Amino acid sequence: MNKNELIDFISKKTSSEVSKVLITEIVDLAFQGIEAELKNGGEARFVGFGSFKVTRRKASTGRNPRTGETIKISASNRVKFTPGKELKEAVNK
């Protein structure tokens, strides 16, 4: 599912009084809120769905698959998603 499919899904599940423009704005704001929280070092938790948090990936060495040359991989942040209990159960039904 992509963003437009999510907006269409929400549109079908809500009353016809809620426009797709409004739904798009709400979805955009939700994504912006999650991004802002993660940028500030916080965690975005949604009970039953899951949580997003930033973890630090250490610097490491790797290998270029084409040349076999050893390369340095810089330390970086990554976003980790941990599914909630209800989401896990729904997917495993």
C-alpha atoms as a PDB file:
ATOM      1  CA  MET A   1       0.000   0.000   0.000  1.00  0.00           C
ATOM      2  CA  ASN A   2       1.298   3.438  -0.873  1.00  0.00           C
ATOM      3  CA  LYS A   3       0.171   6.866   0.337  1.00  0.00           C
ATOM      4  CA  ASN A   4      -2.510   7.304  -2.345  1.00  0.00           C
ATOM      5  CA  GLU A   5      -3.916   3.849  -1.644  1.00  0.00           C
ATOM      6  CA  LEU A   6      -4.041   4.695   2.069  1.00  0.00           C
ATOM      7  CA  ILE A   7      -5.938   7.908   1.300  1.00  0.00           C
ATOM      8  CA  ASP A   8      -8.395   5.978  -0.919  1.00  0.00           C
ATOM      9  CA  PHE A   9      -8.887   3.377   1.836  1.00  0.00           C
ATOM     10  CA  ILE A  10      -9.612   6.056   4.440  1.00  0.00           C
ATOM     11  CA  SER A  11     -11.932   7.848   2.020  1.00  0.00           C
ATOM     12  CA  LYS A  12     -13.982   4.683   1.483  1.00  0.00           C
ATOM     13  CA  LYS A  13     -14.197   4.003   5.239  1.00  0.00           C
ATOM     14  CA  THR A  14     -15.320   7.533   6.202  1.00  0.00           C
ATOM     15  CA  SER A  15     -18.461   9.493   5.428  1.00  0.00           C
ATOM     16  CA  SER A  16     -18.785  11.230   2.090  1.00  0.00           C
ATOM     17  CA  GLU A  17     -18.575  14.568   3.943  1.00  0.00           C
ATOM     18  CA  VAL A  18     -14.822  14.082   4.433  1.00  0.00           C
ATOM     19  CA  SER A  19     -12.988  15.147   1.274  1.00  0.00           C
ATOM     20  CA  LYS A  20      -9.906  13.463  -0.119  1.00  0.00           C
ATOM     21  CA  VAL A  21      -8.140  16.818   0.161  1.00  0.00           C
ATOM     22  CA  LEU A  22      -8.754  16.866   3.926  1.00  0.00           C
ATOM     23  CA  ILE A  23      -7.731  13.217   4.271  1.00  0.00           C
ATOM     24  CA  THR A  24      -4.524  13.944   2.337  1.00  0.00           C
ATOM     25  CA  GLU A  25      -3.726  16.852   4.666  1.00  0.00           C
ATOM     26  CA  ILE A  26      -4.330  14.684   7.735  1.00  0.00           C
ATOM     27  CA  VAL A  27      -2.152  11.845   6.411  1.00  0.00           C
ATOM     28  CA  ASP A  28       0.612  14.338   5.550  1.00  0.00           C
ATOM     29  CA  LEU A  29       0.420  15.850   9.036  1.00  0.00           C
ATOM     30  CA  ALA A  30       0.551  12.405  10.644  1.00  0.00           C
ATOM     31  CA  PHE A  31       3.702  11.543   8.686  1.00  0.00           C
ATOM     32  CA  GLN A  32       5.223  14.935   9.531  1.00  0.00           C
ATOM     33  CA  GLY A  33       4.472  14.387  13.221  1.00  0.00           C
ATOM     34  CA  ILE A  34       6.145  10.980  13.235  1.00  0.00           C
ATOM     35  CA  GLU A  35       9.160  12.372  11.366  1.00  0.00           C
ATOM     36  CA  ALA A  36       9.503  15.323  13.752  1.00  0.00           C
ATOM     37  CA  GLU A  37       9.350  13.057  16.803  1.00  0.00           C
ATOM     38  CA  LEU A  38      12.019  10.749  15.393  1.00  0.00           C
ATOM     39  CA  LYS A  39      14.267  13.675  14.414  1.00  0.00           C
ATOM     40  CA  ASN A  40      14.058  14.925  18.012  1.00  0.00           C
ATOM     41  CA  GLY A  41      15.230  11.568  19.343  1.00  0.00           C
ATOM     42  CA  GLY A  42      11.793  10.440  20.439  1.00  0.00           C
ATOM     43  CA  GLU A  43       9.728   7.383  19.680  1.00  0.00           C
ATOM     44  CA  ALA A  44       6.359   7.217  17.914  1.00  0.00           C
ATOM     45  CA  ARG A  45       4.170   4.589  19.611  1.00  0.00           C
ATOM     46  CA  PHE A  46       0.762   3.490  18.400  1.00  0.00           C
ATOM     47  CA  VAL A  47      -0.787   0.998  20.806  1.00  0.00           C
ATOM     48  CA  GLY A  48      -1.869  -2.132  18.977  1.00  0.00           C
ATOM     49  CA  PHE A  49      -0.121  -1.116  15.752  1.00  0.00           C
ATOM     50  CA  GLY A  50       3.540  -0.686  16.659  1.00  0.00           C
ATOM     51  CA  SER A  51       6.301   1.782  17.329  1.00  0.00           C
ATOM     52  CA  PHE A  52       8.953   3.616  15.345  1.00  0.00           C
ATOM     53  CA  LYS A  53      12.286   4.611  16.827  1.00  0.00           C
ATOM     54  CA  VAL A  54      15.715   5.668  15.631  1.00  0.00           C
ATOM     55  CA  THR A  55      18.644   3.365  16.273  1.00  0.00           C
ATOM     56  CA  ARG A  56      22.303   4.070  15.571  1.00  0.00           C
ATOM     57  CA  ARG A  57      24.114   1.793  13.160  1.00  0.00           C
ATOM     58  CA  LYS A  58      27.833   1.556  13.933  1.00  0.00           C
ATOM     59  CA  ALA A  59      30.491   2.184  11.327  1.00  0.00           C
ATOM     60  CA  SER A  60      31.684  -1.003   9.692  1.00  0.00           C
ATOM     61  CA  THR A  61      33.626  -2.350   6.771  1.00  0.00           C
ATOM     62  CA  GLY A  62      32.063  -3.961   3.760  1.00  0.00           C
ATOM     63  CA  ARG A  63      33.040  -5.288   0.392  1.00  0.00           C
ATOM     64  CA  ASN A  64      32.215  -3.890  -3.028  1.00  0.00           C
ATOM     65  CA  PRO A  65      30.522  -6.850  -4.775  1.00  0.00           C
ATOM     66  CA  ARG A  66      31.808  -5.823  -8.215  1.00  0.00           C
ATOM     67  CA  THR A  67      35.463  -5.254  -7.374  1.00  0.00           C
ATOM     68  CA  GLY A  68      35.903  -7.141  -4.120  1.00  0.00           C
ATOM     69  CA  GLU A  69      37.489  -3.995  -2.674  1.00  0.00           C
ATOM     70  CA  THR A  70      37.064  -3.399   1.068  1.00  0.00           C
ATOM     71  CA  ILE A  71      35.117  -0.214   1.779  1.00  0.00           C
ATOM     72  CA  LYS A  72      34.264   1.776   4.896  1.00  0.00           C
ATOM     73  CA  ILE A  73      30.585   2.117   5.744  1.00  0.00           C
ATOM     74  CA  SER A  74      29.909   5.201   7.858  1.00  0.00           C
ATOM     75  CA  ALA A  75      27.857   5.157  11.037  1.00  0.00           C
ATOM     76  CA  SER A  76      24.270   6.218  10.408  1.00  0.00           C
ATOM     77  CA  ASN A  77      20.833   6.414  11.931  1.00  0.00           C
ATOM     78  CA  ARG A  78      18.075   4.087  10.847  1.00  0.00           C
ATOM     79  CA  VAL A  79      14.395   3.878  11.637  1.00  0.00           C
ATOM     80  CA  LYS A  80      13.283   0.676  13.308  1.00  0.00           C
ATOM     81  CA  PHE A  81       9.645  -0.438  13.361  1.00  0.00           C
ATOM     82  CA  THR A  82       8.460  -2.910  15.980  1.00  0.00           C
ATOM     83  CA  PRO A  83       4.965  -4.276  15.360  1.00  0.00           C
ATOM     84  CA  GLY A  84       2.460  -4.268  18.202  1.00  0.00           C
ATOM     85  CA  LYS A  85       0.740  -7.355  19.570  1.00  0.00           C
ATOM     86  CA  GLU A  86      -2.559  -6.752  17.749  1.00  0.00           C
ATOM     87  CA  LEU A  87      -0.839  -6.205  14.394  1.00  0.00           C
ATOM     88  CA  LYS A  88       1.218  -9.382  14.837  1.00  0.00           C
ATOM     89  CA  GLU A  89      -1.915 -11.353  15.675  1.00  0.00           C
ATOM     90  CA  ALA A  90      -3.861  -9.917  12.724  1.00  0.00           C
ATOM     91  CA  VAL A  91      -1.105 -10.808  10.266  1.00  0.00           C
ATOM     92  CA  ASN A  92      -0.792 -14.342  11.646  1.00  0.00           C
ATOM     93  CA  LYS A  93      -4.495 -15.241  11.422  1.00  0.00           C
END
